[in-house]
Amino acid sequence: MLVLNMPSGGYRRRQSVALGGIEVQLATRWAEGPGAWYVDVLTSAGVPIVSGMRISPGGYVWQQEQNPLLPSGSLVAIGPDPYRREQLGQDVQLIYLEPGENL
């Protein structure tokens, strides 16, 4: 289990992280209308793997079965829902689970 350290500030963020032994980029963006963060997962070279996944606390952001290019585990979000923009990385956490791990 890995709790991701999310960058703070702004409406768009990008970071590189190793998940399940695979280096990926996570590009997050805040959508004011629905009041939610969305994430795109890209290869280390910036090629999109999956796009537009809503960060919804209490659920999976992705499960590896969605795309074989994703890291082998799952990304989940925990925290309050609804949430405010500044809560990502504080009250709303993204957690990477290796295959077979549970919260």
Protein backbone atom coordinates (compact mmCIF):
# COMPACT_ATOMS: atom_id res chain seq x y z
CA MET A 1 0.00 0.00 0.00
CA LEU A 2 1.31 3.41 -0.97
CA VAL A 3 -0.28 6.73 0.01
CA LEU A 4 0.52 9.15 -2.80
CA ASN A 5 1.99 12.50 -1.89
CA MET A 6 -0.10 14.85 -4.03
CA PRO A 7 1.26 18.29 -4.95
CA SER A 8 -0.73 21.19 -3.54
CA GLY A 9 -2.13 24.35 -5.07
CA GLY A 10 -3.56 25.20 -8.44
CA TYR A 11 -6.22 23.68 -10.64
CA ARG A 12 -3.89 21.39 -12.61
CA ARG A 13 -1.11 19.22 -11.27
CA ARG A 14 1.28 16.69 -12.76
CA GLN A 15 3.66 14.33 -11.05
CA SER A 16 5.72 11.24 -11.82
CA VAL A 17 5.41 8.25 -9.55
CA ALA A 18 6.43 4.58 -9.58
CA LEU A 19 3.43 2.31 -9.03
CA GLY A 20 3.79 -1.45 -9.11
CA GLY A 21 7.26 -1.05 -10.56
CA ILE A 22 6.01 1.11 -13.45
CA GLU A 23 6.88 4.80 -13.76
CA VAL A 24 3.76 6.78 -14.72
CA GLN A 25 2.67 10.39 -14.74
CA LEU A 26 -0.53 11.43 -12.99
CA ALA A 27 -2.10 14.58 -14.38
CA THR A 28 -4.92 15.88 -12.19
CA ARG A 29 -7.31 18.72 -12.93
CA TRP A 30 -10.09 20.35 -10.94
CA ALA A 31 -13.48 20.70 -12.65
CA GLU A 32 -15.42 23.54 -11.04
CA GLY A 33 -18.85 22.49 -12.39
CA PRO A 34 -19.06 19.04 -10.79
CA GLY A 35 -16.68 20.09 -7.99
CA ALA A 36 -14.31 17.18 -8.43
CA TRP A 37 -10.76 16.25 -9.36
CA TYR A 38 -10.13 14.12 -12.44
CA VAL A 39 -6.97 12.20 -13.26
CA ASP A 40 -5.24 11.09 -16.45
CA VAL A 41 -2.57 8.38 -16.31
CA LEU A 42 0.27 8.68 -18.81
CA THR A 43 3.40 6.69 -19.52
CA SER A 44 6.68 8.16 -18.33
CA ALA A 45 7.07 9.54 -21.88
CA GLY A 46 3.71 11.33 -21.61
CA VAL A 47 1.61 8.97 -23.77
CA PRO A 48 -1.96 8.71 -22.38
CA ILE A 49 -2.98 5.35 -20.91
CA VAL A 50 -6.40 6.33 -19.50
CA SER A 51 -8.02 9.73 -19.18
CA GLY A 52 -10.77 11.53 -17.32
CA MET A 53 -11.24 9.28 -14.29
CA ARG A 54 -13.11 11.04 -11.48
CA ILE A 55 -11.50 10.96 -8.06
CA SER A 56 -14.47 9.80 -5.99
CA PRO A 57 -13.68 9.02 -2.35
CA GLY A 58 -14.91 5.61 -1.33
CA GLY A 59 -14.27 4.07 -4.73
CA TYR A 60 -11.67 2.91 -7.19
CA VAL A 61 -10.08 5.51 -9.43
CA TRP A 62 -8.84 2.60 -11.53
CA GLN A 63 -8.44 -1.13 -11.44
CA GLN A 64 -5.73 -2.70 -13.59
CA GLU A 65 -8.30 -4.71 -15.52
CA GLN A 66 -9.41 -1.45 -17.21
CA ASN A 67 -6.25 -1.27 -19.29
CA PRO A 68 -3.28 -3.68 -19.40
CA LEU A 69 -0.86 -0.73 -19.63
CA LEU A 70 -1.84 0.44 -16.12
CA PRO A 71 0.24 -0.62 -13.13
CA SER A 72 -0.85 -4.04 -11.85
CA GLY A 73 -2.72 -2.80 -8.77
CA SER A 74 -5.57 -0.41 -8.08
CA LEU A 75 -5.84 3.26 -7.18
CA VAL A 76 -8.46 4.17 -4.60
CA ALA A 77 -9.55 7.46 -3.07
CA ILE A 78 -10.53 7.94 0.56
CA GLY A 79 -11.93 11.00 2.29
CA PRO A 80 -15.07 13.12 2.37
CA ASP A 81 -17.35 13.41 -0.65
CA PRO A 82 -18.22 16.03 -1.68
CA TYR A 83 -14.87 17.72 -1.20
CA ARG A 84 -13.22 21.05 -2.01
CA ARG A 85 -10.35 21.65 -4.44
CA GLU A 86 -7.76 22.23 -1.71
CA GLN A 87 -8.57 18.92 0.05
CA LEU A 88 -6.80 16.66 -2.49
CA GLY A 89 -3.66 15.38 -0.84
CA GLN A 90 -4.92 16.40 2.60
CA ASP A 91 -8.39 15.14 3.55
CA VAL A 92 -8.77 13.27 0.25
CA GLN A 93 -5.97 10.75 -0.23
CA LEU A 94 -5.05 8.58 -3.20
CA ILE A 95 -3.79 5.15 -2.25
CA TYR A 96 -2.17 2.63 -4.56
CA LEU A 97 -2.94 -0.99 -3.65
CA GLU A 98 -0.79 -3.83 -4.96
CA PRO A 99 -2.73 -6.85 -6.30
CA GLY A 100 -4.37 -8.68 -3.40
CA GLU A 101 -4.12 -5.72 -0.98
CA ASN A 102 -7.20 -4.18 0.63
CA LEU A 103 -7.77 -1.07 2.68
